[in-house]
Amino acid sequence: MLNTYFRVIVGFMVLLSVVLTVYVNPNWMWFTVFIGVNLIQSAFTKWCLLETILVKTWRKKKVVKAVQVVK
């Protein structure tokens, strides 16, 4: 499930950066480059900031759901 969220967010960010590049300013292409470099880096290091953020928020949701079930 986490992998699905990751792919949706990254895909949305790429599409958004392309739209911003076409309609706002060509410098937005650097955002697309940043996303690509981050994906390549995470393939080699097995670490990605977005994944870390998603895992932390995922755990918080599980804790909140567990507390609600106990009540």
Protein backbone atom coordinates (compact mmCIF):
# COMPACT_ATOMS: atom_id res chain seq x y z
CA MET A 1 0.00 0.00 0.00
CA LEU A 2 2.85 2.36 0.83
CA ASN A 3 4.38 1.70 -2.57
CA THR A 4 1.14 2.77 -4.23
CA TYR A 5 1.07 6.07 -2.34
CA PHE A 6 4.71 6.65 -3.24
CA ARG A 7 4.10 6.10 -6.95
CA VAL A 8 1.00 8.31 -7.01
CA ILE A 9 2.78 11.18 -5.25
CA VAL A 10 5.89 10.97 -7.44
CA GLY A 11 3.81 10.69 -10.61
CA PHE A 12 1.74 13.70 -9.60
CA MET A 13 4.89 15.72 -8.84
CA VAL A 14 6.37 14.89 -12.26
CA LEU A 15 3.18 15.82 -14.09
CA LEU A 16 2.86 19.02 -12.06
CA SER A 17 6.44 20.03 -12.83
CA VAL A 18 5.91 19.43 -16.56
CA VAL A 19 2.74 21.54 -16.56
CA LEU A 20 4.52 24.30 -14.64
CA THR A 21 7.42 24.13 -17.09
CA VAL A 22 5.14 24.53 -20.10
CA TYR A 23 2.76 27.18 -18.73
CA VAL A 24 4.69 29.12 -16.08
CA ASN A 25 8.47 29.08 -16.45
CA PRO A 26 10.99 26.72 -18.09
CA ASN A 27 13.02 26.70 -14.87
CA TRP A 28 10.43 24.35 -13.35
CA MET A 29 12.15 21.60 -15.35
CA TRP A 30 14.76 21.57 -12.57
CA PHE A 31 12.06 20.20 -10.27
CA THR A 32 11.60 17.28 -12.66
CA VAL A 33 15.35 16.75 -12.72
CA PHE A 34 15.43 16.77 -8.90
CA ILE A 35 12.73 14.10 -8.76
CA GLY A 36 14.60 11.92 -11.27
CA VAL A 37 17.91 12.28 -9.45
CA ASN A 38 16.22 11.47 -6.15
CA LEU A 39 14.69 8.29 -7.63
CA ILE A 40 18.08 7.19 -8.99
CA GLN A 41 19.78 7.97 -5.67
CA SER A 42 17.17 6.03 -3.72
CA ALA A 43 17.64 3.01 -6.00
CA PHE A 44 21.30 2.80 -4.98
CA THR A 45 21.09 3.83 -1.31
CA LYS A 46 17.68 2.29 -0.50
CA TRP A 47 16.73 5.55 1.24
CA CYS A 48 14.21 8.15 0.12
CA LEU A 49 12.93 11.12 2.13
CA LEU A 50 9.39 10.73 0.79
CA GLU A 51 9.33 7.09 1.86
CA THR A 52 10.51 8.05 5.35
CA ILE A 53 7.76 10.67 5.62
CA LEU A 54 5.11 8.22 4.40
CA VAL A 55 6.23 5.54 6.88
CA LYS A 56 6.06 7.98 9.79
CA THR A 57 2.58 9.21 8.85
CA TRP A 58 1.46 5.62 8.22
CA ARG A 59 2.56 4.63 11.75
CA LYS A 60 0.74 7.60 13.26
CA LYS A 61 -2.47 6.57 11.50
CA LYS A 62 -2.11 3.01 12.80
CA VAL A 63 -1.57 4.27 16.36
CA VAL A 64 -4.62 6.53 16.13
CA LYS A 65 -6.74 3.67 14.77
CA ALA A 66 -5.48 1.34 17.52
CA VAL A 67 -6.37 3.89 20.21
CA GLN A 68 -9.83 4.35 18.72
CA VAL A 69 -10.40 0.58 18.70
CA VAL A 70 -9.35 0.30 22.37
CA LYS A 71 -11.80 3.02 23.42
